[in-house]
């Protein structure tokens, strides 16, 4: 579902703020809410969901806030924009009450029980594909 800002917030370049949503909910055990960016906001502005995807745990009962960073470059002639403007312009952004700022998805997860092994992961769980980060390439 889309999540809307509950109040007007101004975000300056290189600033990160929590945008209140006015939403509080009880998330069932074994579920989480995942906070995701809206594609239009990411394409048309330098605003980014700072910890995307964010996780809201089932035990959280306070107001849901969306952490947004303005990745604009600092410049001498900063202009002010709303999130509805196109062009991904550097500047100060005003998020207005009612603006759609993120999406949330309710997702079930499995709890993991970790087990320490003496033999090593490869011998316990199968073969090693080899390499490390980036080893599989891009194609």
N, C-alpha and C. Protein backbone atom coordinates (compact mmCIF):
# COMPACT_ATOMS: atom_id res chain seq x y z
N UNK A 1 0.84 -1.18 0.00
CA UNK A 1 0.00 0.00 0.00
C UNK A 1 0.88 1.23 0.00
N UNK A 2 0.39 2.30 -0.58
CA UNK A 2 1.10 3.57 -0.53
C UNK A 2 0.97 4.18 0.86
N UNK A 3 2.03 4.85 1.28
CA UNK A 3 2.05 5.53 2.57
C UNK A 3 2.19 7.02 2.31
N UNK A 4 1.43 7.81 3.04
CA UNK A 4 1.41 9.26 2.84
C UNK A 4 2.03 9.99 4.04
N UNK A 5 2.58 11.15 3.75
CA UNK A 5 3.13 12.01 4.80
C UNK A 5 1.98 12.58 5.63
N UNK A 6 2.18 12.64 6.94
CA UNK A 6 1.15 13.16 7.84
C UNK A 6 1.32 14.65 8.13
N UNK A 7 2.44 15.22 7.69
CA UNK A 7 2.67 16.65 7.90
C UNK A 7 3.66 17.17 6.87
N UNK A 8 3.75 18.48 6.75
CA UNK A 8 4.71 19.10 5.84
C UNK A 8 6.11 19.01 6.44
N UNK A 9 7.08 18.60 5.61
CA UNK A 9 8.47 18.48 6.04
C UNK A 9 9.37 19.05 4.94
N UNK A 10 10.37 19.83 5.32
CA UNK A 10 11.36 20.34 4.38
C UNK A 10 12.66 19.58 4.59
N UNK A 11 13.25 19.11 3.47
CA UNK A 11 14.50 18.36 3.55
C UNK A 11 15.54 19.08 2.69
N UNK A 12 16.61 19.53 3.32
CA UNK A 12 17.69 20.22 2.64
C UNK A 12 18.68 19.21 2.05
N UNK A 13 19.51 19.64 1.08
CA UNK A 13 20.51 18.73 0.51
C UNK A 13 21.38 18.09 1.60
N UNK A 14 21.66 16.82 1.42
CA UNK A 14 22.47 16.02 2.35
C UNK A 14 21.86 15.89 3.74
N UNK A 15 20.56 16.07 3.83
CA UNK A 15 19.86 15.94 5.11
C UNK A 15 18.98 14.69 5.07
N UNK A 16 18.83 14.05 6.22
CA UNK A 16 17.97 12.88 6.36
C UNK A 16 16.96 13.16 7.46
N UNK A 17 15.70 12.88 7.17
CA UNK A 17 14.64 13.11 8.16
C UNK A 17 13.68 11.93 8.19
N UNK A 18 13.02 11.78 9.32
CA UNK A 18 11.94 10.80 9.45
C UNK A 18 10.63 11.53 9.14
N UNK A 19 9.91 11.01 8.17
CA UNK A 19 8.64 11.60 7.77
C UNK A 19 7.52 10.85 8.49
N UNK A 20 6.78 11.52 9.37
CA UNK A 20 5.69 10.85 10.07
C UNK A 20 4.55 10.48 9.11
N UNK A 21 3.92 9.35 9.36
CA UNK A 21 2.83 8.88 8.51
C UNK A 21 1.47 8.93 9.21
N UNK A 22 1.47 9.06 10.53
CA UNK A 22 0.21 9.02 11.27
C UNK A 22 -0.32 7.61 11.47
N UNK A 23 0.43 6.61 11.02
CA UNK A 23 -0.02 5.21 11.10
C UNK A 23 0.62 4.49 12.29
N UNK A 24 -0.21 3.78 13.03
CA UNK A 24 0.24 2.84 14.05
C UNK A 24 -0.52 1.55 13.80
N UNK A 25 0.17 0.43 13.93
CA UNK A 25 -0.54 -0.85 13.73
C UNK A 25 0.14 -1.96 14.51
N UNK A 26 -0.62 -2.98 14.80
CA UNK A 26 -0.09 -4.18 15.43
C UNK A 26 0.17 -5.20 14.33
N UNK A 27 1.42 -5.50 14.10
CA UNK A 27 1.81 -6.44 13.06
C UNK A 27 1.81 -7.83 13.67
N UNK A 28 1.18 -8.81 13.02
CA UNK A 28 1.11 -10.15 13.60
C UNK A 28 2.50 -10.77 13.77
N UNK A 29 2.63 -11.64 14.75
CA UNK A 29 3.87 -12.39 14.97
C UNK A 29 4.23 -13.15 13.69
N UNK A 30 5.50 -13.26 13.40
CA UNK A 30 6.03 -13.92 12.20
C UNK A 30 5.77 -13.12 10.92
N UNK A 31 5.43 -11.83 11.06
CA UNK A 31 5.27 -10.94 9.92
C UNK A 31 6.11 -9.69 10.14
N UNK A 32 6.38 -8.99 9.06
CA UNK A 32 7.06 -7.71 9.11
C UNK A 32 6.40 -6.80 8.08
N UNK A 33 6.54 -5.51 8.27
CA UNK A 33 6.20 -4.56 7.22
C UNK A 33 7.50 -4.17 6.55
N UNK A 34 7.55 -4.27 5.23
CA UNK A 34 8.72 -3.84 4.49
C UNK A 34 8.42 -2.46 3.90
N UNK A 35 9.32 -1.52 4.13
CA UNK A 35 9.18 -0.17 3.59
C UNK A 35 10.00 -0.09 2.31
N UNK A 36 9.36 0.31 1.23
CA UNK A 36 10.02 0.36 -0.08
C UNK A 36 9.82 1.73 -0.71
N UNK A 37 10.74 2.11 -1.59
CA UNK A 37 10.58 3.40 -2.27
C UNK A 37 9.48 3.33 -3.34
N UNK A 38 8.93 4.47 -3.65
CA UNK A 38 8.03 4.59 -4.80
C UNK A 38 8.90 4.91 -6.01
N UNK A 39 8.67 4.22 -7.11
CA UNK A 39 9.55 4.38 -8.27
C UNK A 39 9.54 5.80 -8.83
N UNK A 40 8.40 6.45 -8.86
CA UNK A 40 8.33 7.82 -9.37
C UNK A 40 9.13 8.80 -8.53
N UNK A 41 9.08 8.62 -7.22
CA UNK A 41 9.85 9.48 -6.32
C UNK A 41 11.35 9.28 -6.54
N UNK A 42 11.76 8.05 -6.73
CA UNK A 42 13.17 7.75 -6.97
C UNK A 42 13.64 8.26 -8.33
N UNK A 43 12.79 8.18 -9.33
CA UNK A 43 13.16 8.62 -10.67
C UNK A 43 13.19 10.15 -10.79
N UNK A 44 12.22 10.81 -10.20
CA UNK A 44 12.01 12.24 -10.44
C UNK A 44 12.62 13.18 -9.42
N UNK A 45 13.14 12.65 -8.32
CA UNK A 45 13.74 13.50 -7.28
C UNK A 45 15.04 12.85 -6.77
N UNK A 46 15.86 13.61 -6.07
CA UNK A 46 17.03 13.02 -5.43
C UNK A 46 16.72 12.48 -4.03
N UNK A 47 15.44 12.28 -3.73
CA UNK A 47 15.04 11.76 -2.42
C UNK A 47 15.11 10.24 -2.44
N UNK A 48 15.68 9.66 -1.39
CA UNK A 48 15.87 8.22 -1.30
C UNK A 48 15.41 7.71 0.06
N UNK A 49 14.78 6.54 0.04
CA UNK A 49 14.46 5.84 1.29
C UNK A 49 15.81 5.33 1.82
N UNK A 50 16.20 5.82 2.98
CA UNK A 50 17.57 5.63 3.46
C UNK A 50 17.93 4.17 3.75
N UNK A 51 17.02 3.38 4.23
CA UNK A 51 17.35 2.00 4.59
C UNK A 51 16.46 1.03 3.83
N UNK A 52 16.45 1.17 2.54
CA UNK A 52 15.52 0.41 1.72
C UNK A 52 16.06 -0.98 1.37
N UNK A 53 15.27 -2.02 1.51
CA UNK A 53 13.95 -1.97 2.14
C UNK A 53 14.08 -1.97 3.66
N UNK A 54 13.30 -1.13 4.27
CA UNK A 54 13.28 -1.06 5.73
C UNK A 54 12.38 -2.14 6.29
N UNK A 55 12.62 -2.54 7.51
CA UNK A 55 11.81 -3.55 8.17
C UNK A 55 11.20 -2.97 9.43
N UNK A 56 9.90 -3.16 9.59
CA UNK A 56 9.20 -2.81 10.82
C UNK A 56 8.77 -4.12 11.45
N UNK A 57 9.31 -4.40 12.63
CA UNK A 57 9.09 -5.69 13.30
C UNK A 57 7.71 -5.78 13.92
N UNK A 58 7.29 -7.01 14.20
CA UNK A 58 5.97 -7.25 14.78
C UNK A 58 5.81 -6.66 16.17
N UNK A 59 6.89 -6.43 16.88
CA UNK A 59 6.79 -5.87 18.22
C UNK A 59 6.70 -4.35 18.26
N UNK A 60 6.85 -3.68 17.12
CA UNK A 60 6.84 -2.22 17.08
C UNK A 60 5.42 -1.70 17.16
N UNK A 61 5.18 -0.75 18.06
CA UNK A 61 3.82 -0.23 18.24
C UNK A 61 3.72 1.29 18.13
N UNK A 62 4.80 1.96 17.82
CA UNK A 62 4.78 3.42 17.73
C UNK A 62 4.39 3.84 16.30
N UNK A 63 4.37 5.14 16.06
CA UNK A 63 4.03 5.65 14.73
C UNK A 63 5.08 5.22 13.71
N UNK A 64 4.62 4.83 12.53
CA UNK A 64 5.52 4.47 11.45
C UNK A 64 6.07 5.73 10.83
N UNK A 65 7.39 5.80 10.74
CA UNK A 65 8.05 6.93 10.10
C UNK A 65 8.89 6.41 8.94
N UNK A 66 8.98 7.20 7.89
CA UNK A 66 9.74 6.83 6.71
C UNK A 66 11.01 7.67 6.68
N UNK A 67 12.17 7.02 6.67
CA UNK A 67 13.46 7.73 6.68
C UNK A 67 13.81 8.10 5.25
N UNK A 68 13.88 9.40 4.99
CA UNK A 68 14.17 9.89 3.63
C UNK A 68 15.39 10.80 3.67
N UNK A 69 16.30 10.57 2.70
CA UNK A 69 17.50 11.40 2.53
C UNK A 69 17.39 12.19 1.24
N UNK A 70 17.82 13.45 1.30
CA UNK A 70 17.91 14.28 0.11
C UNK A 70 19.36 14.20 -0.36
N UNK A 71 19.60 13.52 -1.48
CA UNK A 71 20.96 13.32 -1.98
C UNK A 71 21.40 14.42 -2.95
N UNK A 72 20.68 15.54 -2.94
CA UNK A 72 21.06 16.67 -3.79
C UNK A 72 22.47 17.13 -3.48
N UNK A 73 23.13 17.63 -4.52
CA UNK A 73 24.44 18.27 -4.35
C UNK A 73 24.23 19.66 -3.76
N UNK A 74 25.14 20.07 -2.91
CA UNK A 74 25.10 21.44 -2.41
C UNK A 74 25.50 22.39 -3.53
N UNK A 75 24.80 23.49 -3.67
CA UNK A 75 25.19 24.51 -4.63
C UNK A 75 24.76 25.87 -4.07
N UNK A 76 25.29 26.93 -4.64
CA UNK A 76 25.01 28.27 -4.11
C UNK A 76 23.58 28.72 -4.35
N UNK A 77 22.98 28.31 -5.45
CA UNK A 77 21.66 28.78 -5.83
C UNK A 77 20.63 27.66 -5.65
N UNK A 78 20.32 27.32 -4.40
CA UNK A 78 19.37 26.24 -4.15
C UNK A 78 17.94 26.71 -4.35
N UNK A 79 17.20 25.96 -5.13
CA UNK A 79 15.79 26.24 -5.31
C UNK A 79 14.99 25.22 -4.51
N UNK A 80 13.72 25.53 -4.31
CA UNK A 80 12.84 24.66 -3.54
C UNK A 80 11.85 24.00 -4.48
N UNK A 81 11.65 22.69 -4.28
CA UNK A 81 10.77 21.90 -5.13
C UNK A 81 9.82 21.08 -4.27
N UNK A 82 8.72 20.65 -4.90
CA UNK A 82 7.84 19.66 -4.27
C UNK A 82 8.15 18.32 -4.92
N UNK A 83 7.66 17.24 -4.32
CA UNK A 83 7.99 15.92 -4.87
C UNK A 83 7.23 15.60 -6.14
N UNK A 84 6.26 16.42 -6.52
CA UNK A 84 5.52 16.19 -7.74
C UNK A 84 6.20 16.73 -8.99
N UNK A 85 7.27 17.48 -8.81
CA UNK A 85 7.97 18.06 -9.96
C UNK A 85 8.91 17.03 -10.57
N UNK A 86 9.01 17.07 -11.89
CA UNK A 86 9.85 16.11 -12.62
C UNK A 86 11.23 16.69 -12.86
N UNK A 87 12.18 15.83 -13.17
CA UNK A 87 13.49 16.30 -13.59
C UNK A 87 14.63 16.00 -12.65
N UNK A 88 14.35 15.42 -11.49
CA UNK A 88 15.41 15.04 -10.55
C UNK A 88 16.38 16.20 -10.31
N UNK A 89 15.82 17.32 -9.87
CA UNK A 89 16.59 18.55 -9.69
C UNK A 89 17.22 18.60 -8.31
N UNK A 90 18.45 19.10 -8.26
CA UNK A 90 19.11 19.32 -6.97
C UNK A 90 18.47 20.51 -6.29
N UNK A 91 18.25 20.38 -4.98
CA UNK A 91 17.68 21.50 -4.25
C UNK A 91 17.04 21.07 -2.95
N UNK A 92 16.26 21.97 -2.42
CA UNK A 92 15.51 21.75 -1.19
C UNK A 92 14.16 21.16 -1.60
N UNK A 93 13.72 20.13 -0.89
CA UNK A 93 12.44 19.49 -1.22
C UNK A 93 11.46 19.63 -0.06
N UNK A 94 10.24 19.97 -0.43
CA UNK A 94 9.15 20.04 0.54
C UNK A 94 8.23 18.85 0.29
N UNK A 95 8.10 18.03 1.32
CA UNK A 95 7.11 16.95 1.29
C UNK A 95 5.88 17.51 1.98
N UNK A 96 4.76 17.48 1.27
CA UNK A 96 3.54 18.06 1.80
C UNK A 96 2.64 16.99 2.39
N UNK A 97 1.89 17.38 3.42
CA UNK A 97 0.94 16.47 4.04
C UNK A 97 0.06 15.86 2.95
N UNK A 98 -0.03 14.52 2.95
CA UNK A 98 -0.83 13.80 1.97
C UNK A 98 -0.04 13.27 0.79
N UNK A 99 1.23 13.73 0.62
CA UNK A 99 2.07 13.21 -0.46
C UNK A 99 2.34 11.72 -0.24
N UNK A 100 2.29 10.95 -1.31
CA UNK A 100 2.65 9.53 -1.24
C UNK A 100 4.17 9.43 -1.27
N UNK A 101 4.75 8.91 -0.19
CA UNK A 101 6.21 8.95 -0.03
C UNK A 101 6.88 7.59 -0.05
N UNK A 102 6.14 6.52 0.13
CA UNK A 102 6.73 5.17 0.19
C UNK A 102 5.63 4.15 0.00
N UNK A 103 6.05 2.90 -0.03
CA UNK A 103 5.10 1.78 -0.06
C UNK A 103 5.46 0.85 1.09
N UNK A 104 4.44 0.18 1.62
CA UNK A 104 4.70 -0.85 2.63
C UNK A 104 4.04 -2.14 2.17
N UNK A 105 4.73 -3.25 2.49
CA UNK A 105 4.25 -4.58 2.13
C UNK A 105 4.29 -5.44 3.38
N UNK A 106 3.19 -6.09 3.70
CA UNK A 106 3.16 -7.03 4.81
C UNK A 106 3.71 -8.36 4.30
N UNK A 107 4.72 -8.88 4.99
CA UNK A 107 5.39 -10.08 4.51
C UNK A 107 5.63 -11.05 5.66
N UNK A 108 5.32 -12.31 5.43
CA UNK A 108 5.59 -13.36 6.42
C UNK A 108 7.05 -13.78 6.30
N UNK A 109 7.67 -14.11 7.41
CA UNK A 109 9.04 -14.59 7.38
C UNK A 109 9.18 -15.81 8.27
N UNK A 110 10.22 -16.58 7.99
CA UNK A 110 10.53 -17.77 8.78
C UNK A 110 11.61 -17.40 9.79
N UNK A 111 11.47 -17.88 11.00
CA UNK A 111 12.51 -17.67 12.01
C UNK A 111 13.63 -18.67 11.76
N UNK A 112 14.84 -18.20 11.93
CA UNK A 112 16.01 -19.03 11.68
C UNK A 112 16.60 -19.48 13.02
N UNK A 113 16.93 -20.77 13.08
CA UNK A 113 17.66 -21.28 14.23
C UNK A 113 19.06 -21.61 13.73
N UNK A 114 20.03 -20.82 14.17
CA UNK A 114 21.41 -21.02 13.74
C UNK A 114 22.02 -22.18 14.50
N UNK A 115 22.87 -22.93 13.80
CA UNK A 115 23.54 -24.06 14.40
C UNK A 115 25.03 -23.97 14.08
N UNK A 116 25.83 -23.99 15.11
CA UNK A 116 27.28 -23.94 14.91
C UNK A 116 27.77 -25.33 14.51
N UNK A 117 28.65 -25.37 13.49
CA UNK A 117 29.18 -26.63 13.01
C UNK A 117 30.70 -26.61 13.08
N UNK A 118 31.30 -27.77 13.32
CA UNK A 118 32.75 -27.88 13.39
C UNK A 118 33.36 -28.21 12.03
N UNK A 119 32.60 -28.84 11.14
CA UNK A 119 33.14 -29.31 9.86
C UNK A 119 33.30 -28.20 8.83
N UNK A 120 32.64 -27.11 9.04
CA UNK A 120 32.65 -26.05 8.03
C UNK A 120 31.38 -26.10 7.21
N UNK A 121 30.99 -24.99 6.66
CA UNK A 121 29.74 -24.89 5.92
C UNK A 121 29.75 -25.75 4.67
N UNK A 122 30.85 -25.80 3.95
CA UNK A 122 30.91 -26.56 2.69
C UNK A 122 30.65 -28.04 2.93
N UNK A 123 31.29 -28.63 3.93
CA UNK A 123 31.11 -30.05 4.20
C UNK A 123 29.71 -30.35 4.73
N UNK A 124 29.13 -29.41 5.44
CA UNK A 124 27.82 -29.62 6.03
C UNK A 124 26.69 -29.40 5.04
N UNK A 125 26.80 -28.38 4.19
CA UNK A 125 25.67 -27.99 3.35
C UNK A 125 25.90 -28.11 1.85
N UNK A 126 27.00 -28.67 1.41
CA UNK A 126 27.17 -28.85 -0.03
C UNK A 126 28.44 -28.22 -0.55
N UNK A 127 28.50 -28.09 -1.87
CA UNK A 127 29.72 -27.62 -2.51
C UNK A 127 29.80 -26.10 -2.55
N UNK A 128 31.03 -25.60 -2.69
CA UNK A 128 31.28 -24.17 -2.81
C UNK A 128 31.32 -23.84 -4.30
N UNK A 129 30.60 -22.85 -4.73
CA UNK A 129 30.59 -22.47 -6.14
C UNK A 129 31.88 -21.79 -6.55
N UNK A 130 32.72 -21.43 -5.58
CA UNK A 130 34.00 -20.78 -5.86
C UNK A 130 33.86 -19.28 -5.95
N UNK A 131 34.98 -18.60 -5.79
CA UNK A 131 34.97 -17.14 -5.92
C UNK A 131 34.45 -16.45 -4.68
N UNK A 132 34.07 -15.21 -4.87
CA UNK A 132 33.57 -14.40 -3.77
C UNK A 132 32.59 -13.39 -4.32
N UNK A 133 32.54 -12.21 -3.69
CA UNK A 133 31.63 -11.17 -4.14
C UNK A 133 31.92 -10.82 -5.59
N UNK A 134 30.89 -10.79 -6.42
CA UNK A 134 31.03 -10.43 -7.81
C UNK A 134 31.55 -11.52 -8.71
N UNK A 135 31.80 -12.71 -8.16
CA UNK A 135 32.42 -13.79 -8.92
C UNK A 135 31.53 -14.30 -10.06
N UNK A 136 30.22 -14.26 -9.90
CA UNK A 136 29.35 -14.82 -10.93
C UNK A 136 29.22 -13.92 -12.15
N UNK A 137 29.76 -12.71 -12.09
CA UNK A 137 29.75 -11.83 -13.25
C UNK A 137 28.44 -11.09 -13.43
N UNK A 138 28.28 -10.51 -14.61
CA UNK A 138 27.09 -9.70 -14.88
C UNK A 138 26.17 -10.34 -15.91
N UNK A 139 26.56 -11.45 -16.51
CA UNK A 139 25.70 -12.10 -17.52
C UNK A 139 25.50 -13.57 -17.22
